[in-house]
């Protein structure tokens, strides 16, 4: 299903995942800033008590904010890690309550574009995220 750019963006969570930790990216992070510029609704920016570019996840907070889309950036050279994270989420009782997981709206953001500012590729990063937020232009 293709959406137009004047569609409302889904409530989203940007998750930075490594084998040992998972953090939410706020609007102070590169990926979060791109989402903000695209008009996306980042659940990490909804709570004014959250500060800093990355904050440890709280399942209680995530379930309460119930993101409709989850964007995962894998940190480091973990090939195939995205599939494992998604598979673990689908099996997890808490993650299973989240709309994005129930509806299979969990997406991989390439770390080459989103783990830090990609410089000259910033346009590519914006287009990549815009397509996930709003659907590709038909």
Foldseek 3Di string as FASTA:
>chain_A
DAFDLVDQFWAEWEWEDEPVAIKTFDCVAQLNVLCVVSNHHYLQDVDPVRDDGIGGDDLVSCLVSQTQAYEYEYPDDDPPVQVVVLVVLCPDPSSVSRNCSVVVRYYYQYCCPGVHPVVVCVVVSSQVVSCSGRNDDD
